Amino acid sequence: MERRRLGVLCSHLCSPGRQSTPGTTMPLLSPSGCHADGSSGFGVGAAKESCVFCLIVHGMSHAFKLYEDDVCLCILDSNPLSPGHSLIIPKLHFPSLEVTPPSVVAAMCSTIPFLSNAIMKAAKCDSFNLLVNNGAAAGQMISHAHLHIIPRRVGDQLWPSEGFKRQAIKGDEETFSLVSCIRDVISTLPKFNCSTNESQLHKYLHD
């Protein structure tokens, strides 16, 4: 059973559409299969020439690639906070998470269970942080939406803030005003619809 589970995980870490031959493995340092000629359905115009992630996606820069599918790519972070620190990146350029289409975010998030399991197993740990740095004040260094998977170990003291004492939220006028404001904004936004966003995803992939 354990061997079968490992086989499933390994199959997830092989790019779709590429047949593995006995004795060969995916190159550790490799460009994405999505090249600048747009042959895989992603037009060059969608990329930003100054974006390091777009360069990786379009085969113009190298990275330690773990996984790739039609929508996203998973690579090792070039400045890891811990061994196995990885990034999930959409192949199309969206500068931040809140402007990334829900269908693309959903596709990225759907890879988290099997990728995190594989990464934790390889890093010999049983915990991880799923992190998004969205915007300059939140520490986003590259203006291309991405998710962090950061393997954790007990006592690693990776986040100083973990030792901070958190205070219970107050049920005061300021809190009620904040809740009301957020609800008002949500009510003005278009409703999320799975079938609509699936159609949008197909459009992004084939335009």
N, C-alpha and C. Protein backbone atom coordinates (compact mmCIF):
# COMPACT_ATOMS: atom_id res chain seq x y z
N MET A 1 0.83 -1.20 0.00
CA MET A 1 0.00 0.00 0.00
C MET A 1 0.87 1.26 0.00
N GLU A 2 1.94 1.27 0.82
CA GLU A 2 2.82 2.42 0.90
C GLU A 2 3.51 2.66 -0.45
N ARG A 3 3.92 1.55 -1.10
CA ARG A 3 4.57 1.68 -2.40
C ARG A 3 3.60 2.26 -3.42
N ARG A 4 2.33 1.84 -3.34
CA ARG A 4 1.32 2.35 -4.29
C ARG A 4 1.11 3.85 -4.06
N ARG A 5 1.04 4.26 -2.79
CA ARG A 5 0.85 5.68 -2.49
C ARG A 5 2.02 6.51 -3.00
N LEU A 6 3.23 5.99 -2.84
CA LEU A 6 4.41 6.70 -3.34
C LEU A 6 4.36 6.81 -4.85
N GLY A 7 3.86 5.74 -5.49
CA GLY A 7 3.74 5.76 -6.94
C GLY A 7 2.77 6.82 -7.41
N VAL A 8 1.66 6.98 -6.68
CA VAL A 8 0.67 8.00 -7.02
C VAL A 8 1.28 9.39 -6.88
N LEU A 9 2.00 9.62 -5.77
CA LEU A 9 2.64 10.91 -5.56
C LEU A 9 3.65 11.20 -6.65
N CYS A 10 4.44 10.21 -7.01
CA CYS A 10 5.44 10.39 -8.06
C CYS A 10 4.78 10.72 -9.39
N SER A 11 3.64 10.08 -9.66
CA SER A 11 2.95 10.35 -10.93
C SER A 11 2.44 11.77 -10.97
N HIS A 12 2.04 12.33 -9.81
CA HIS A 12 1.59 13.71 -9.76
C HIS A 12 2.73 14.67 -10.05
N LEU A 13 3.96 14.27 -9.74
CA LEU A 13 5.11 15.15 -9.93
C LEU A 13 5.70 15.05 -11.32
N CYS A 14 5.04 14.32 -12.22
CA CYS A 14 5.45 14.25 -13.62
C CYS A 14 4.50 15.11 -14.43
N SER A 15 5.03 15.88 -15.36
CA SER A 15 4.20 16.78 -16.15
C SER A 15 3.21 16.01 -17.01
N PRO A 16 1.93 16.44 -17.05
CA PRO A 16 0.96 15.80 -17.92
C PRO A 16 1.40 15.87 -19.38
N GLY A 17 1.14 14.81 -20.10
CA GLY A 17 1.46 14.82 -21.52
C GLY A 17 2.87 14.39 -21.83
N ARG A 18 3.68 14.14 -20.79
CA ARG A 18 5.04 13.70 -21.02
C ARG A 18 5.17 12.27 -20.57
N GLN A 19 5.60 11.41 -21.44
CA GLN A 19 5.73 10.00 -21.11
C GLN A 19 7.10 9.74 -20.51
N SER A 20 7.13 9.12 -19.34
CA SER A 20 8.39 8.79 -18.71
C SER A 20 8.91 7.49 -19.29
N THR A 21 10.21 7.45 -19.52
CA THR A 21 10.83 6.23 -19.99
C THR A 21 11.67 5.66 -18.89
N PRO A 22 11.82 4.32 -18.83
CA PRO A 22 12.57 3.69 -17.77
C PRO A 22 13.98 4.28 -17.65
N GLY A 23 14.37 4.58 -16.41
CA GLY A 23 15.71 5.07 -16.16
C GLY A 23 15.87 6.56 -16.37
N THR A 24 14.77 7.28 -16.71
CA THR A 24 14.87 8.72 -16.91
C THR A 24 13.99 9.44 -15.91
N THR A 25 14.38 10.65 -15.54
CA THR A 25 13.59 11.46 -14.63
C THR A 25 13.52 12.88 -15.17
N MET A 26 12.59 13.66 -14.65
CA MET A 26 12.47 15.06 -15.03
C MET A 26 13.75 15.79 -14.63
N PRO A 27 14.33 16.62 -15.51
CA PRO A 27 15.53 17.37 -15.15
C PRO A 27 15.26 18.20 -13.91
N LEU A 28 16.23 18.22 -12.97
CA LEU A 28 16.03 18.97 -11.74
C LEU A 28 16.00 20.47 -11.99
N LEU A 29 16.87 20.94 -12.89
CA LEU A 29 16.90 22.35 -13.22
C LEU A 29 16.39 22.49 -14.63
N SER A 30 15.16 22.98 -14.81
CA SER A 30 14.56 22.92 -16.13
C SER A 30 13.61 24.07 -16.38
N PRO A 31 13.45 24.45 -17.68
CA PRO A 31 12.45 25.45 -18.02
C PRO A 31 11.08 24.81 -18.07
N SER A 32 10.05 25.64 -18.07
CA SER A 32 8.70 25.12 -18.22
C SER A 32 8.50 24.62 -19.64
N GLY A 33 7.52 23.73 -19.82
CA GLY A 33 7.19 23.25 -21.15
C GLY A 33 6.41 24.28 -21.95
N CYS A 34 6.03 25.38 -21.33
CA CYS A 34 5.28 26.44 -22.00
C CYS A 34 6.25 27.45 -22.55
N HIS A 35 6.48 27.47 -23.85
CA HIS A 35 7.52 28.29 -24.43
C HIS A 35 6.99 29.61 -24.99
N ALA A 36 7.93 30.49 -25.30
CA ALA A 36 7.58 31.85 -25.71
C ALA A 36 6.85 31.92 -27.04
N ASP A 37 6.87 30.86 -27.83
CA ASP A 37 6.17 30.89 -29.11
C ASP A 37 4.67 30.71 -28.96
N GLY A 38 4.23 30.51 -27.70
CA GLY A 38 2.79 30.38 -27.44
C GLY A 38 2.24 29.04 -27.87
N SER A 39 3.10 28.06 -28.11
CA SER A 39 2.65 26.78 -28.63
C SER A 39 1.75 26.02 -27.68
N SER A 40 1.81 26.34 -26.39
CA SER A 40 0.97 25.62 -25.44
C SER A 40 -0.28 26.40 -25.07
N GLY A 41 -0.58 27.45 -25.85
CA GLY A 41 -1.85 28.14 -25.65
C GLY A 41 -1.75 29.41 -24.85
N PHE A 42 -0.57 29.77 -24.36
CA PHE A 42 -0.42 30.98 -23.58
C PHE A 42 0.31 32.01 -24.44
N GLY A 43 -0.39 33.02 -24.91
CA GLY A 43 0.21 34.01 -25.79
C GLY A 43 1.31 34.79 -25.10
N VAL A 44 2.28 35.24 -25.89
CA VAL A 44 3.39 36.01 -25.36
C VAL A 44 2.90 37.30 -24.72
N GLY A 45 1.82 37.86 -25.28
CA GLY A 45 1.32 39.12 -24.76
C GLY A 45 0.85 39.03 -23.32
N ALA A 46 0.54 37.84 -22.85
CA ALA A 46 0.07 37.68 -21.46
C ALA A 46 1.22 37.78 -20.49
N ALA A 47 2.45 37.60 -20.96
CA ALA A 47 3.61 37.61 -20.08
C ALA A 47 4.18 39.01 -19.95
N LYS A 48 4.93 39.23 -18.87
CA LYS A 48 5.63 40.48 -18.65
C LYS A 48 7.12 40.21 -18.78
N GLU A 49 7.79 40.95 -19.67
CA GLU A 49 9.20 40.68 -19.94
C GLU A 49 10.07 40.85 -18.71
N SER A 50 9.66 41.72 -17.77
CA SER A 50 10.47 41.98 -16.60
C SER A 50 10.14 41.06 -15.43
N CYS A 51 9.16 40.15 -15.62
CA CYS A 51 8.71 39.28 -14.53
C CYS A 51 9.49 37.97 -14.55
N VAL A 52 10.19 37.68 -13.46
CA VAL A 52 11.02 36.48 -13.40
C VAL A 52 10.17 35.22 -13.51
N PHE A 53 8.96 35.22 -12.96
CA PHE A 53 8.10 34.05 -13.05
C PHE A 53 7.63 33.83 -14.49
N CYS A 54 7.32 34.91 -15.22
CA CYS A 54 6.93 34.77 -16.62
C CYS A 54 8.09 34.21 -17.44
N LEU A 55 9.31 34.63 -17.12
CA LEU A 55 10.48 34.12 -17.83
C LEU A 55 10.64 32.62 -17.58
N ILE A 56 10.38 32.18 -16.35
CA ILE A 56 10.46 30.75 -16.03
C ILE A 56 9.36 29.99 -16.77
N VAL A 57 8.14 30.52 -16.74
CA VAL A 57 7.01 29.86 -17.40
C VAL A 57 7.25 29.70 -18.90
N HIS A 58 7.83 30.71 -19.51
CA HIS A 58 8.02 30.70 -20.96
C HIS A 58 9.38 30.14 -21.38
N GLY A 59 10.06 29.45 -20.48
CA GLY A 59 11.28 28.76 -20.85
C GLY A 59 12.48 29.65 -21.06
N MET A 60 12.42 30.89 -20.56
CA MET A 60 13.52 31.83 -20.75
C MET A 60 14.44 31.91 -19.54
N SER A 61 14.07 31.24 -18.47
CA SER A 61 14.89 31.20 -17.26
C SER A 61 14.69 29.85 -16.60
N HIS A 62 15.70 29.40 -15.89
CA HIS A 62 15.64 28.07 -15.28
C HIS A 62 15.17 28.12 -13.83
N ALA A 63 14.64 27.00 -13.37
CA ALA A 63 14.19 26.86 -11.99
C ALA A 63 14.17 25.39 -11.64
N PHE A 64 14.15 25.07 -10.36
CA PHE A 64 14.01 23.69 -9.90
C PHE A 64 12.53 23.35 -9.92
N LYS A 65 12.10 22.73 -11.00
CA LYS A 65 10.67 22.46 -11.22
C LYS A 65 10.25 21.16 -10.56
N LEU A 66 9.14 21.21 -9.82
CA LEU A 66 8.59 20.03 -9.15
C LEU A 66 7.37 19.47 -9.88
N TYR A 67 6.57 20.38 -10.46
CA TYR A 67 5.30 19.96 -11.05
C TYR A 67 4.84 20.99 -12.08
N GLU A 68 4.12 20.52 -13.08
CA GLU A 68 3.57 21.43 -14.09
C GLU A 68 2.29 20.84 -14.67
N ASP A 69 1.28 21.69 -14.86
CA ASP A 69 0.10 21.30 -15.60
C ASP A 69 -0.30 22.44 -16.52
N ASP A 70 -1.50 22.41 -17.07
CA ASP A 70 -1.91 23.43 -18.04
C ASP A 70 -2.05 24.82 -17.43
N VAL A 71 -2.33 24.88 -16.13
CA VAL A 71 -2.64 26.16 -15.50
C VAL A 71 -1.50 26.70 -14.65
N CYS A 72 -0.78 25.82 -13.97
CA CYS A 72 0.21 26.31 -13.01
C CYS A 72 1.49 25.49 -13.01
N LEU A 73 2.45 26.02 -12.26
CA LEU A 73 3.79 25.45 -12.16
C LEU A 73 4.18 25.48 -10.70
N CYS A 74 4.89 24.46 -10.23
CA CYS A 74 5.41 24.45 -8.86
C CYS A 74 6.92 24.33 -8.93
N ILE A 75 7.62 25.26 -8.30
CA ILE A 75 9.08 25.28 -8.30
C ILE A 75 9.59 25.48 -6.88
N LEU A 76 10.87 25.16 -6.65
CA LEU A 76 11.49 25.49 -5.38
C LEU A 76 11.75 26.99 -5.31
N ASP A 77 11.52 27.59 -4.15
CA ASP A 77 11.85 29.00 -3.94
C ASP A 77 13.37 29.17 -4.03
N SER A 78 13.82 30.20 -4.72
CA SER A 78 15.26 30.41 -4.90
C SER A 78 15.93 30.92 -3.63
N ASN A 79 15.14 31.40 -2.68
CA ASN A 79 15.66 31.83 -1.37
C ASN A 79 14.80 31.21 -0.28
N PRO A 80 14.93 29.89 -0.09
CA PRO A 80 13.99 29.17 0.79
C PRO A 80 14.11 29.53 2.27
N LEU A 81 12.96 29.54 2.93
CA LEU A 81 12.92 29.73 4.38
C LEU A 81 13.19 28.42 5.10
N SER A 82 12.97 27.30 4.41
CA SER A 82 13.25 25.97 4.96
C SER A 82 13.43 25.02 3.77
N PRO A 83 14.10 23.88 3.99
CA PRO A 83 14.27 22.92 2.89
C PRO A 83 12.91 22.47 2.33
N GLY A 84 12.74 22.58 1.02
CA GLY A 84 11.48 22.19 0.40
C GLY A 84 10.52 23.35 0.17
N HIS A 85 10.88 24.55 0.63
CA HIS A 85 10.05 25.75 0.42
C HIS A 85 9.77 25.90 -1.08
N SER A 86 8.49 25.85 -1.45
CA SER A 86 8.11 25.81 -2.85
C SER A 86 7.07 26.88 -3.18
N LEU A 87 6.94 27.18 -4.47
CA LEU A 87 6.00 28.18 -4.95
C LEU A 87 5.08 27.58 -6.00
N ILE A 88 3.79 27.87 -5.90
CA ILE A 88 2.83 27.49 -6.94
C ILE A 88 2.49 28.76 -7.70
N ILE A 89 2.73 28.74 -9.02
CA ILE A 89 2.65 29.94 -9.84
C ILE A 89 1.67 29.72 -11.00
N PRO A 90 0.75 30.66 -11.24
CA PRO A 90 -0.10 30.52 -12.43
C PRO A 90 0.72 30.82 -13.67
N LYS A 91 0.44 30.13 -14.77
CA LYS A 91 1.22 30.34 -15.99
C LYS A 91 0.90 31.67 -16.67
N LEU A 92 -0.31 32.17 -16.47
CA LEU A 92 -0.65 33.49 -16.99
C LEU A 92 -0.27 34.53 -15.95
N HIS A 93 0.05 35.75 -16.42
CA HIS A 93 0.50 36.79 -15.52
C HIS A 93 -0.66 37.53 -14.87
N PHE A 94 -0.76 37.41 -13.55
CA PHE A 94 -1.69 38.20 -12.76
C PHE A 94 -0.86 38.80 -11.63
N PRO A 95 -0.83 40.13 -11.50
CA PRO A 95 0.09 40.77 -10.55
C PRO A 95 -0.16 40.48 -9.08
N SER A 96 -1.36 40.09 -8.72
CA SER A 96 -1.65 39.79 -7.32
C SER A 96 -2.83 38.81 -7.25
N LEU A 97 -3.04 38.25 -6.07
CA LEU A 97 -4.05 37.21 -5.94
C LEU A 97 -5.47 37.73 -6.15
N GLU A 98 -5.75 38.95 -5.71
CA GLU A 98 -7.14 39.41 -5.77
C GLU A 98 -7.59 39.72 -7.19
N VAL A 99 -6.64 39.85 -8.14
CA VAL A 99 -7.04 40.06 -9.53
C VAL A 99 -6.89 38.78 -10.36
N THR A 100 -6.52 37.69 -9.70
CA THR A 100 -6.42 36.40 -10.38
C THR A 100 -7.82 35.78 -10.47
N PRO A 101 -8.25 35.32 -11.65
CA PRO A 101 -9.60 34.74 -11.79
C PRO A 101 -9.81 33.59 -10.81
N PRO A 102 -11.00 33.50 -10.20
CA PRO A 102 -11.28 32.43 -9.25
C PRO A 102 -11.00 31.04 -9.80
N SER A 103 -11.24 30.84 -11.10
CA SER A 103 -11.00 29.53 -11.69
C SER A 103 -9.52 29.18 -11.67
N VAL A 104 -8.65 30.18 -11.86
CA VAL A 104 -7.21 29.94 -11.83
C VAL A 104 -6.76 29.68 -10.39
N VAL A 105 -7.29 30.47 -9.45
CA VAL A 105 -6.96 30.25 -8.04
C VAL A 105 -7.40 28.86 -7.61
N ALA A 106 -8.59 28.44 -8.06
CA ALA A 106 -9.10 27.11 -7.71
C ALA A 106 -8.18 26.02 -8.27
N ALA A 107 -7.72 26.20 -9.51
CA ALA A 107 -6.82 25.21 -10.11
C ALA A 107 -5.51 25.13 -9.34
N MET A 108 -4.99 26.29 -8.92
CA MET A 108 -3.75 26.31 -8.12
C MET A 108 -3.96 25.59 -6.79
N CYS A 109 -5.06 25.93 -6.12
CA CYS A 109 -5.32 25.36 -4.80
C CYS A 109 -5.58 23.86 -4.86
N SER A 110 -6.11 23.39 -5.99
CA SER A 110 -6.40 21.95 -6.10
C SER A 110 -5.12 21.11 -6.08
N THR A 111 -3.97 21.73 -6.36
CA THR A 111 -2.70 20.99 -6.34
C THR A 111 -2.09 20.91 -4.94
N ILE A 112 -2.59 21.70 -4.02
CA ILE A 112 -1.96 21.80 -2.70
C ILE A 112 -1.93 20.47 -1.94
N PRO A 113 -3.03 19.69 -1.89
CA PRO A 113 -2.96 18.45 -1.10
C PRO A 113 -1.86 17.49 -1.52
N PHE A 114 -1.77 17.18 -2.83
CA PHE A 114 -0.76 16.19 -3.21
C PHE A 114 0.65 16.78 -3.25
N LEU A 115 0.77 18.08 -3.61
CA LEU A 115 2.10 18.69 -3.60
C LEU A 115 2.65 18.82 -2.19
N SER A 116 1.82 19.27 -1.26
CA SER A 116 2.28 19.43 0.13
C SER A 116 2.65 18.08 0.73
N ASN A 117 1.88 17.03 0.42
CA ASN A 117 2.21 15.70 0.93
C ASN A 117 3.56 15.22 0.39
N ALA A 118 3.79 15.44 -0.89
CA ALA A 118 5.05 15.02 -1.50
C ALA A 118 6.22 15.81 -0.92
N ILE A 119 6.02 17.13 -0.77
CA ILE A 119 7.09 17.99 -0.25
C ILE A 119 7.41 17.64 1.20
N MET A 120 6.37 17.44 2.03
CA MET A 120 6.62 17.09 3.43
C MET A 120 7.34 15.75 3.54
N LYS A 121 6.94 14.79 2.71
CA LYS A 121 7.57 13.47 2.75
C LYS A 121 9.05 13.58 2.39
N ALA A 122 9.34 14.36 1.34
CA ALA A 122 10.73 14.52 0.91
C ALA A 122 11.54 15.32 1.93
N ALA A 123 10.90 16.31 2.57
CA ALA A 123 11.59 17.15 3.55
C ALA A 123 11.62 16.53 4.94
N LYS A 124 10.98 15.35 5.07
CA LYS A 124 10.95 14.63 6.35
C LYS A 124 10.36 15.49 7.47
N CYS A 125 9.17 16.02 7.20
CA CYS A 125 8.45 16.77 8.22
C CYS A 125 6.97 16.46 8.08
N ASP A 126 6.15 16.92 9.02
CA ASP A 126 4.73 16.61 8.95
C ASP A 126 3.85 17.85 9.05
N SER A 127 4.44 19.03 8.83
CA SER A 127 3.69 20.27 8.91
C SER A 127 4.16 21.24 7.83
N PHE A 128 3.29 22.17 7.48
CA PHE A 128 3.71 23.21 6.54
C PHE A 128 2.82 24.44 6.70
N ASN A 129 3.36 25.59 6.31
CA ASN A 129 2.57 26.81 6.21
C ASN A 129 2.19 27.02 4.75
N LEU A 130 0.93 27.39 4.52
CA LEU A 130 0.48 27.83 3.20
C LEU A 130 0.38 29.34 3.30
N LEU A 131 1.18 30.04 2.50
CA LEU A 131 1.34 31.48 2.68
C LEU A 131 1.13 32.24 1.38
N VAL A 132 0.48 33.40 1.48
CA VAL A 132 0.35 34.32 0.36
C VAL A 132 0.81 35.69 0.82
N ASN A 133 1.84 36.23 0.17
CA ASN A 133 2.25 37.61 0.41
C ASN A 133 1.60 38.44 -0.69
N ASN A 134 0.54 39.15 -0.36
CA ASN A 134 -0.23 39.86 -1.38
C ASN A 134 -0.12 41.36 -1.17
N GLY A 135 0.68 42.03 -2.01
CA GLY A 135 0.91 43.46 -1.87
C GLY A 135 2.20 43.77 -1.16
N ALA A 136 2.73 44.96 -1.41
CA ALA A 136 4.04 45.35 -0.87
C ALA A 136 4.08 45.32 0.66
N ALA A 137 3.01 45.81 1.30
CA ALA A 137 3.00 45.85 2.76
C ALA A 137 2.99 44.45 3.37
N ALA A 138 2.54 43.46 2.58
CA ALA A 138 2.49 42.06 3.06
C ALA A 138 3.77 41.31 2.69
N GLY A 139 4.72 41.99 2.04
CA GLY A 139 5.99 41.36 1.72
C GLY A 139 6.08 40.75 0.34
N GLN A 140 5.13 41.05 -0.57
CA GLN A 140 5.20 40.52 -1.92
C GLN A 140 6.35 41.18 -2.67
N MET A 141 7.30 40.37 -3.12
CA MET A 141 8.50 40.89 -3.79
C MET A 141 8.39 40.80 -5.31
N ILE A 142 7.61 39.85 -5.83
CA ILE A 142 7.45 39.66 -7.27
C ILE A 142 5.98 39.86 -7.62
N SER A 143 5.72 40.77 -8.54
CA SER A 143 4.33 41.10 -8.90
C SER A 143 3.75 40.08 -9.87
N HIS A 144 3.66 38.86 -9.40
CA HIS A 144 3.04 37.76 -10.15
C HIS A 144 2.47 36.85 -9.07
N ALA A 145 1.16 36.68 -9.06
CA ALA A 145 0.50 35.91 -7.98
C ALA A 145 1.18 34.57 -7.76
N HIS A 146 1.33 34.17 -6.51
CA HIS A 146 1.91 32.87 -6.19
C HIS A 146 1.59 32.47 -4.76
N LEU A 147 1.62 31.16 -4.52
CA LEU A 147 1.39 30.59 -3.20
C LEU A 147 2.68 29.95 -2.70
N HIS A 148 2.94 30.09 -1.41
CA HIS A 148 4.11 29.45 -0.80
C HIS A 148 3.70 28.19 -0.03
N ILE A 149 4.42 27.11 -0.21
CA ILE A 149 4.31 25.94 0.66
C ILE A 149 5.64 25.86 1.41
N ILE A 150 5.58 26.05 2.75
CA ILE A 150 6.80 26.14 3.55
C ILE A 150 6.80 25.02 4.59
N PRO A 151 7.63 23.99 4.40
CA PRO A 151 7.71 22.90 5.38
C PRO A 151 8.14 23.42 6.74
N ARG A 152 7.54 22.86 7.80
CA ARG A 152 7.83 23.30 9.16
C ARG A 152 8.20 22.13 10.06
N ARG A 153 9.01 22.45 11.09
CA ARG A 153 9.38 21.48 12.11
C ARG A 153 9.18 22.12 13.48
N VAL A 154 8.83 21.31 14.45
CA VAL A 154 8.63 21.82 15.81
C VAL A 154 9.91 22.49 16.30
N GLY A 155 9.75 23.71 16.80
CA GLY A 155 10.90 24.42 17.37
C GLY A 155 11.78 25.12 16.35
N ASP A 156 11.36 25.17 15.07
CA ASP A 156 12.24 25.81 14.07
C ASP A 156 12.28 27.33 14.20
N GLN A 157 11.31 27.91 14.95
CA GLN A 157 11.28 29.36 15.23
C GLN A 157 11.38 30.18 13.95
N LEU A 158 10.66 29.73 12.92
CA LEU A 158 10.71 30.41 11.64
C LEU A 158 10.02 31.76 11.68
N TRP A 159 8.88 31.82 12.39
CA TRP A 159 8.14 33.08 12.48
C TRP A 159 8.24 33.65 13.90
N PRO A 160 8.91 34.79 14.08
CA PRO A 160 8.94 35.42 15.41
C PRO A 160 7.55 35.73 15.94
N SER A 161 6.62 36.03 15.02
CA SER A 161 5.26 36.41 15.43
C SER A 161 4.51 35.27 16.10
N GLU A 162 4.98 34.03 15.92
CA GLU A 162 4.30 32.89 16.53
C GLU A 162 4.38 32.95 18.06
N GLY A 163 5.36 33.70 18.57
CA GLY A 163 5.50 33.83 20.01
C GLY A 163 4.72 34.99 20.59
N PHE A 164 4.09 35.78 19.71
CA PHE A 164 3.34 36.94 20.17
C PHE A 164 2.02 36.50 20.82
N LYS A 165 1.62 37.20 21.85
CA LYS A 165 0.35 36.91 22.50
C LYS A 165 -0.76 37.64 21.76
N ARG A 166 -1.72 36.87 21.23
CA ARG A 166 -2.81 37.45 20.48
C ARG A 166 -3.94 37.85 21.41
N GLN A 167 -4.60 38.93 21.06
CA GLN A 167 -5.70 39.43 21.88
C GLN A 167 -7.04 39.08 21.25
N ALA A 168 -8.01 38.77 22.08
CA ALA A 168 -9.35 38.43 21.59
C ALA A 168 -9.99 39.64 20.91
N ILE A 169 -10.74 39.38 19.85
CA ILE A 169 -11.41 40.47 19.14
C ILE A 169 -12.46 41.11 20.04
N LYS A 170 -12.62 42.40 19.92
CA LYS A 170 -13.58 43.13 20.75
C LYS A 170 -14.89 43.32 19.99
N GLY A 171 -15.98 43.09 20.67
CA GLY A 171 -17.30 43.30 20.06
C GLY A 171 -17.74 44.73 20.22
N ASP A 172 -16.91 45.66 19.76
CA ASP A 172 -17.22 47.08 19.93
C ASP A 172 -17.70 47.71 18.62
N GLU A 173 -17.92 49.00 18.65
CA GLU A 173 -18.46 49.70 17.49
C GLU A 173 -17.51 49.61 16.28
N GLU A 174 -16.22 49.67 16.55
CA GLU A 174 -15.24 49.59 15.47
C GLU A 174 -15.31 48.25 14.73
N THR A 175 -15.46 47.16 15.51
CA THR A 175 -15.56 45.83 14.90
C THR A 175 -16.84 45.68 14.10
N PHE A 176 -17.97 46.13 14.67
CA PHE A 176 -19.25 46.04 13.96
C PHE A 176 -19.22 46.87 12.68
N SER A 177 -18.55 48.03 12.73
CA SER A 177 -18.45 48.89 11.56
C SER A 177 -17.62 48.21 10.47
N LEU A 178 -16.55 47.52 10.88
CA LEU A 178 -15.70 46.81 9.93
C LEU A 178 -16.47 45.67 9.26
N VAL A 179 -17.20 44.89 10.07
CA VAL A 179 -18.00 43.79 9.53
C VAL A 179 -19.03 44.31 8.54
N SER A 180 -19.71 45.39 8.90
CA SER A 180 -20.73 45.98 8.04
C SER A 180 -20.13 46.46 6.72
N CYS A 181 -18.96 47.07 6.81
CA CYS A 181 -18.29 47.60 5.62
C CYS A 181 -17.90 46.46 4.67
N ILE A 182 -17.33 45.39 5.22
CA ILE A 182 -16.92 44.24 4.40
C ILE A 182 -18.13 43.61 3.73
N ARG A 183 -19.23 43.46 4.48
CA ARG A 183 -20.45 42.87 3.91
C ARG A 183 -21.00 43.73 2.79
N ASP A 184 -20.95 45.05 2.97
CA ASP A 184 -21.45 45.96 1.94
C ASP A 184 -20.65 45.82 0.65
N VAL A 185 -19.32 45.70 0.79
CA VAL A 185 -18.46 45.56 -0.39
C VAL A 185 -18.75 44.23 -1.08
N ILE A 186 -18.88 43.15 -0.29
CA ILE A 186 -19.17 41.83 -0.85
C ILE A 186 -20.48 41.85 -1.63
N SER A 187 -21.48 42.56 -1.12
CA SER A 187 -22.80 42.59 -1.77
C SER A 187 -22.75 43.26 -3.14
N THR A 188 -21.73 44.08 -3.37
CA THR A 188 -21.63 44.77 -4.67
C THR A 188 -20.82 43.97 -5.68
N LEU A 189 -20.17 42.90 -5.25
CA LEU A 189 -19.32 42.11 -6.13
C LEU A 189 -20.13 41.06 -6.87
N PRO A 190 -19.71 40.68 -8.09
CA PRO A 190 -20.41 39.62 -8.81
C PRO A 190 -20.30 38.30 -8.06
N LYS A 191 -21.37 37.53 -8.10
CA LYS A 191 -21.41 36.26 -7.39
C LYS A 191 -20.52 35.24 -8.09
N PHE A 192 -19.84 34.42 -7.28
CA PHE A 192 -18.99 33.37 -7.84
C PHE A 192 -19.86 32.23 -8.32
N ASN A 193 -19.60 31.78 -9.54
CA ASN A 193 -20.35 30.67 -10.12
C ASN A 193 -19.37 29.67 -10.71
N CYS A 194 -19.40 28.43 -10.23
CA CYS A 194 -18.43 27.43 -10.64
C CYS A 194 -18.45 27.18 -12.15
N SER A 195 -19.64 27.03 -12.74
CA SER A 195 -19.71 26.73 -14.16
C SER A 195 -19.22 27.90 -15.00
N THR A 196 -19.56 29.13 -14.57
CA THR A 196 -19.10 30.32 -15.29
C THR A 196 -17.59 30.41 -15.26
N ASN A 197 -17.02 30.18 -14.09
CA ASN A 197 -15.57 30.30 -13.95
C ASN A 197 -14.84 29.16 -14.64
N GLU A 198 -15.47 28.00 -14.75
CA GLU A 198 -14.86 26.92 -15.51
C GLU A 198 -14.77 27.31 -16.98
N SER A 199 -15.82 27.95 -17.49
CA SER A 199 -15.81 28.42 -18.88
C SER A 199 -14.72 29.47 -19.07
N GLN A 200 -14.56 30.36 -18.08
CA GLN A 200 -13.53 31.38 -18.16
C GLN A 200 -12.15 30.75 -18.20
N LEU A 201 -11.95 29.70 -17.42
CA LEU A 201 -10.66 29.02 -17.39
C LEU A 201 -10.33 28.44 -18.76
N HIS A 202 -11.32 27.80 -19.41
CA HIS A 202 -11.11 27.25 -20.75
C HIS A 202 -10.75 28.37 -21.73
N LYS A 203 -11.37 29.53 -21.54
CA LYS A 203 -11.08 30.67 -22.41
C LYS A 203 -9.65 31.12 -22.22
N TYR A 204 -9.18 31.22 -20.96
CA TYR A 204 -7.80 31.64 -20.70
C TYR A 204 -6.81 30.67 -21.30
N LEU A 205 -7.14 29.39 -21.25
CA LEU A 205 -6.21 28.37 -21.73
C LEU A 205 -6.09 28.34 -23.24
N HIS A 206 -7.17 28.73 -23.94
CA HIS A 206 -7.18 28.55 -25.39
C HIS A 206 -7.11 29.85 -26.18
N ASP A 207 -7.18 31.01 -25.51
CA ASP A 207 -7.06 32.29 -26.23
C ASP A 207 -5.64 32.48 -26.73
